[in-house]
Protein backbone atom coordinates (compact mmCIF):
# COMPACT_ATOMS: atom_id res chain seq x y z
CA UNK A 1 130.67 118.31 141.89
CA UNK A 2 134.04 119.93 140.89
CA UNK A 3 135.56 116.77 139.63
CA UNK A 4 131.95 115.64 137.96
CA UNK A 5 131.83 119.02 136.18
CA UNK A 6 135.57 118.51 135.35
CA UNK A 7 134.92 115.34 133.68
CA UNK A 8 132.07 116.52 131.72
CA UNK A 9 134.08 119.67 130.61
CA UNK A 10 133.50 119.49 126.30
CA UNK A 11 137.57 121.15 126.49
CA UNK A 12 138.46 117.01 128.30
CA UNK A 13 136.40 115.35 125.41
CA UNK A 14 139.38 114.71 123.93
CA UNK A 15 140.46 112.16 125.38
CA UNK A 16 138.43 109.13 124.15
CA UNK A 17 138.96 107.01 127.44
CA UNK A 18 137.56 109.44 129.83
CA UNK A 19 134.61 110.37 127.43
CA UNK A 20 133.64 106.26 127.48
CA UNK A 21 134.47 106.23 131.48
CA UNK A 22 132.23 109.13 131.52
CA UNK A 23 129.22 108.65 129.46
CA UNK A 24 129.35 105.15 131.24
CA UNK A 25 128.56 106.23 134.67
CA UNK A 26 126.62 109.51 133.34
CA UNK A 27 123.25 107.92 134.65
CA UNK A 28 124.52 106.55 137.68
CA UNK A 29 125.62 109.89 138.30
CA UNK A 30 122.09 111.98 137.36
CA UNK A 31 120.00 109.41 139.49
CA UNK A 32 122.25 110.73 142.66
CA UNK A 33 122.28 114.35 141.28
CA UNK A 34 118.56 114.19 141.14
CA UNK A 35 118.13 113.29 145.03
CA UNK A 36 119.56 116.56 145.86
CA UNK A 37 117.89 118.72 142.96
CA UNK A 38 121.84 119.05 141.81
CA UNK A 39 120.03 117.71 138.27
CA UNK A 40 118.30 121.05 137.53
CA UNK A 41 121.58 123.57 139.10
CA UNK A 42 124.04 121.91 137.00
CA UNK A 43 121.74 121.43 133.68
CA UNK A 44 123.45 123.61 131.43
CA UNK A 45 126.94 121.36 131.58
CA UNK A 46 125.20 118.35 131.57
CA UNK A 47 123.03 118.72 128.48
CA UNK A 48 126.44 120.20 126.86
CA UNK A 49 128.13 116.72 127.63
CA UNK A 50 124.87 114.62 126.44
CA UNK A 51 125.13 117.05 122.96
CA UNK A 52 128.57 116.24 122.17
CA UNK A 53 128.38 111.48 123.02
CA UNK A 54 125.46 111.89 121.12
CA UNK A 55 126.89 112.97 118.15
CA UNK A 56 130.36 110.84 118.57
CA UNK A 57 132.00 109.29 115.93
CA UNK A 58 132.53 105.93 118.52
CA UNK A 59 129.21 103.64 118.47
CA UNK A 60 129.67 102.86 122.25
CA UNK A 61 129.62 106.01 122.92
CA UNK A 62 126.66 107.06 120.87
CA UNK A 63 125.44 103.89 122.46
CA UNK A 64 125.99 105.12 126.30
CA UNK A 65 124.27 108.45 125.09
CA UNK A 66 121.03 106.43 123.59
CA UNK A 67 120.76 104.16 126.43
CA UNK A 68 120.16 107.34 128.64
CA UNK A 69 118.10 108.82 126.68
CA UNK A 70 114.89 108.33 128.20
CA UNK A 71 116.52 109.04 131.41
CA UNK A 72 117.54 112.48 130.19
CA UNK A 73 114.26 113.24 127.95
CA UNK A 74 112.46 112.91 132.23
CA UNK A 75 114.30 114.70 133.66
CA UNK A 76 115.25 117.48 131.51
CA UNK A 77 111.32 117.78 129.16
CA UNK A 78 110.35 120.59 131.27
CA UNK A 79 113.07 122.54 130.07
CA UNK A 80 113.42 121.76 126.65
CA UNK A 81 113.23 125.33 125.56
CA UNK A 82 115.03 127.10 127.16
CA UNK A 83 118.08 124.57 127.27
CA UNK A 84 117.23 124.33 123.47
CA UNK A 85 116.98 120.85 122.77
CA UNK A 86 114.25 118.67 121.34
CA UNK A 87 114.42 115.26 123.11
CA UNK A 88 112.34 113.75 120.06
CA UNK A 89 114.48 114.96 117.54
CA UNK A 90 117.06 113.18 119.57
CA UNK A 91 114.97 109.81 118.99
CA UNK A 92 114.67 110.44 115.44
CA UNK A 93 118.05 111.18 115.29
CA UNK A 94 118.98 107.67 116.83
CA UNK A 95 116.54 106.51 114.83
CA UNK A 96 118.04 107.00 112.01
CA UNK A 97 121.93 105.89 113.14
CA UNK A 98 124.21 103.88 110.50
CA UNK A 99 123.59 101.57 113.40
CA UNK A 100 121.68 98.44 113.94
CA UNK A 101 122.11 98.31 117.34
CA UNK A 102 121.86 102.57 118.75
CA UNK A 103 118.46 102.49 116.48
CA UNK A 104 117.63 99.48 118.77
CA UNK A 105 118.40 100.68 121.67
CA UNK A 106 116.32 103.84 120.74
CA UNK A 107 113.81 101.91 119.68
CA UNK A 108 113.45 100.01 122.82
CA UNK A 109 112.65 102.58 125.16
CA UNK A 110 110.04 105.25 122.73
CA UNK A 111 107.19 103.85 124.72
CA UNK A 112 108.87 106.19 127.78
CA UNK A 113 108.97 109.38 125.65
CA UNK A 114 105.57 108.13 124.34
CA UNK A 115 104.28 107.84 128.12
CA UNK A 116 105.61 111.72 128.69
CA UNK A 117 103.69 113.19 125.44
CA UNK A 118 101.03 115.88 126.85
CA UNK A 119 97.78 117.14 124.51
CA UNK A 120 99.46 119.84 123.83
CA UNK A 121 102.79 118.24 122.79
CA UNK A 122 103.86 118.27 118.98
CA UNK A 123 105.34 114.90 118.51
CA UNK A 124 105.56 115.06 114.65
CA UNK A 125 108.87 113.53 115.58
CA UNK A 126 108.35 110.87 118.01
CA UNK A 127 105.06 110.02 115.03
CA UNK A 128 107.76 109.73 112.55
CA UNK A 129 110.26 107.48 114.51
CA UNK A 130 107.14 105.52 115.79
CA UNK A 131 105.78 104.01 111.92
CA UNK A 132 109.69 103.82 110.83
CA UNK A 133 110.23 101.20 113.54
CA UNK A 134 106.79 99.78 112.47
CA UNK A 135 107.64 99.32 108.57
CA UNK A 136 111.06 97.73 109.84
CA UNK A 137 110.62 94.25 108.81
CA UNK A 138 113.62 92.60 110.77
CA UNK A 139 112.39 90.17 113.30
CA UNK A 140 113.72 91.93 116.79
CA UNK A 141 112.17 95.37 115.80
CA UNK A 142 108.86 93.53 115.16
CA UNK A 143 109.32 91.45 118.22
CA UNK A 144 110.43 94.89 120.21
CA UNK A 145 107.41 97.59 119.10
CA UNK A 146 105.19 94.47 120.15
CA UNK A 147 105.35 94.86 123.42
CA UNK A 148 104.45 98.31 124.16
CA UNK A 149 102.06 98.90 121.04
CA UNK A 150 99.00 99.12 122.40
CA UNK A 151 100.47 102.58 124.77
CA UNK A 152 102.35 103.23 121.95
CA UNK A 153 99.09 103.82 119.48
CA UNK A 154 97.02 105.15 122.67
CA UNK A 155 99.04 108.18 122.61
CA UNK A 156 99.64 109.28 119.32
CA UNK A 157 96.54 110.88 118.81
CA UNK A 158 97.09 113.39 121.44
CA UNK A 159 95.50 116.57 120.80
CA UNK A 160 98.15 118.51 119.25
CA UNK A 161 97.98 115.86 116.55
CA UNK A 162 94.27 115.63 116.20
CA UNK A 163 93.96 119.45 115.97
CA UNK A 164 96.77 120.23 113.73
CA UNK A 165 96.15 116.92 110.78
CA UNK A 166 95.63 117.98 107.11
CA UNK A 167 94.47 114.88 105.57
CA UNK A 168 95.45 110.91 105.00
CA UNK A 169 97.71 109.87 102.78
CA UNK A 170 98.63 106.66 101.13
CA UNK A 171 101.16 104.86 102.34
CA UNK A 172 103.12 104.09 98.67
CA UNK A 173 105.52 100.93 99.10
CA UNK A 174 109.50 102.32 98.42
CA UNK A 175 111.24 100.27 95.51
CA UNK A 176 114.56 100.28 97.69
CA UNK A 177 114.89 96.10 98.99
CA UNK A 178 117.42 97.71 101.99
CA UNK A 179 115.05 97.21 105.42
CA UNK A 180 116.86 98.89 108.85
CA UNK A 181 118.34 96.77 110.11
CA UNK A 182 120.58 95.98 107.02
CA UNK A 183 119.92 93.04 106.77
CA UNK A 184 118.97 93.12 102.83
CA UNK A 185 116.03 91.68 103.25
CA UNK A 186 113.34 92.01 100.16
CA UNK A 187 110.03 94.01 100.67
CA UNK A 188 106.99 92.91 99.04
CA UNK A 189 106.58 95.15 95.74
CA UNK A 190 102.46 95.61 94.11
CA UNK A 191 102.45 93.73 91.02
CA UNK A 192 99.56 93.52 88.23
CA UNK A 193 98.13 91.14 90.36
CA UNK A 194 97.96 92.38 93.19
CA UNK A 195 98.36 95.91 92.32
CA UNK A 196 94.36 96.94 92.60
CA UNK A 197 94.59 96.37 96.08
CA UNK A 198 97.54 97.91 97.80
CA UNK A 199 97.64 100.77 99.83
CA UNK A 200 98.00 103.45 96.74
CA UNK A 201 95.02 102.30 94.35
CA UNK A 202 93.20 104.77 97.03
CA UNK A 203 94.29 107.02 94.27
CA UNK A 204 92.52 108.02 91.26
CA UNK A 205 93.33 106.51 88.24
CA UNK A 206 96.38 108.66 86.76
CA UNK A 207 97.10 110.72 89.37
CA UNK A 208 100.71 111.28 90.13
CA UNK A 209 102.07 110.27 93.15
CA UNK A 210 104.43 112.58 94.63
CA UNK A 211 105.72 110.65 97.89
CA UNK A 212 108.73 110.70 98.29
CA UNK A 213 111.66 109.37 100.10
CA UNK A 214 112.27 111.35 103.26
CA UNK A 215 113.68 111.37 106.61
CA UNK A 216 113.77 107.40 106.45
CA UNK A 217 114.85 104.72 104.89
CA UNK A 218 111.66 102.82 104.83
CA UNK A 219 110.09 105.69 101.69
CA UNK A 220 107.66 107.23 103.73
CA UNK A 221 107.16 111.20 103.20
CA UNK A 222 106.18 111.84 106.76
CA UNK A 223 105.42 115.58 106.24
CA UNK A 224 103.47 114.88 103.21
CA UNK A 225 100.55 114.94 106.32
CA UNK A 226 101.42 119.11 106.65
CA UNK A 227 101.69 120.04 102.81
CA UNK A 228 98.54 121.23 101.18
CA UNK A 229 100.03 120.02 97.85
CA UNK A 230 100.31 116.31 98.37
CA UNK A 231 98.15 113.44 97.31
CA UNK A 232 95.54 113.17 99.93
CA UNK A 233 92.93 109.58 100.11
CA UNK A 234 89.34 110.80 100.58
CA UNK A 235 88.35 112.00 102.75
CA UNK A 236 86.10 110.89 105.63
CA UNK A 237 83.58 112.59 108.09
CA UNK A 238 83.66 112.43 111.31
CA UNK A 239 81.66 113.77 114.42
CA UNK A 240 83.54 115.77 116.53
CA UNK A 241 84.16 113.33 119.22
CA UNK A 242 85.01 110.84 117.52
CA UNK A 243 87.93 113.14 115.33
CA UNK A 244 91.01 110.65 116.20
CA UNK A 245 89.55 108.19 113.74
CA UNK A 246 91.00 110.18 111.08
CA UNK A 247 94.29 109.77 112.55
CA UNK A 248 94.03 106.47 113.19
CA UNK A 249 92.53 105.95 109.54
CA UNK A 250 96.06 107.77 108.29
CA UNK A 251 97.74 104.94 110.83
CA UNK A 252 96.34 102.29 110.09
CA UNK A 253 97.41 101.93 106.90
CA UNK A 254 101.18 101.50 108.31
CA UNK A 255 99.83 98.79 110.94
CA UNK A 256 98.73 96.87 108.22
CA UNK A 257 102.55 96.52 107.07
CA UNK A 258 103.52 95.74 110.23
CA UNK A 259 100.92 93.21 110.66
CA UNK A 260 101.91 91.78 107.02
CA UNK A 261 104.95 91.56 108.58
CA UNK A 262 104.58 90.11 111.18
CA UNK A 263 102.72 87.30 109.10
CA UNK A 264 106.29 86.79 107.28
CA UNK A 265 107.45 84.89 110.77
CA UNK A 266 105.64 81.22 110.86
CA UNK A 267 107.58 81.40 114.13
CA UNK A 268 105.48 84.47 115.75
CA UNK A 269 102.08 83.51 115.90
CA UNK A 270 102.26 83.97 119.88
CA UNK A 271 102.98 87.25 118.84
CA UNK A 272 100.48 87.51 116.29
CA UNK A 273 97.91 86.08 118.75
CA UNK A 274 98.89 89.25 121.53
CA UNK A 275 98.95 91.45 118.91
CA UNK A 276 95.50 90.78 117.94
């Protein structure tokens, strides 16, 4: 253990080769430590090292950090408050990384984070990550998200989300043509012909739309549902046992964008059938 702790020491992070090699075996070492409950005994040293590599300037090292994120979340989610770390926020950070490979790697394990959701968890950040990924129009991300979509949709509306939901907001198509994959694929924009059929038409004519780009390149503000001054869709009324329908009615608008993006790839008809 002294040797391992020495390599995890923050003061040794200046040597890129050591950091690179340590990050490569980091997950394997954690698993071995867990067998003897050492992962908890040395949790502070492990978390300090992990904080360093998630913010590292080298793409390869950040890739190792995001690769080990589901393992870190599984082992230390129960002591997040004690360690003053949020794995949800780390998922959000990686989902906005400048490198597509890092964003994609985070997406591959997102369903693992959704598996660990409990009723009382505030999953605002995870929901932000999930929505940003289903709005990603790249073929790779569509295929990936479709694999575990049922699980993530099911756990999207946990007890905390339902009890703190402020109201449905309309999805406003962003003006940017940049996709998060960096491919530059143009997004469809409402024109005079289809203007009345897009989701934002749910607002009364003449109402000023104040949704703005925030937290993600996809052009949707996730804080609006918690902002009482943000424009809301007309309320829907449900019985107490069906309160989840309000949350999922809001999510449905975003899922329709995912479905339409999938339909744009004619070769993905099998995936479309799977989705249905």
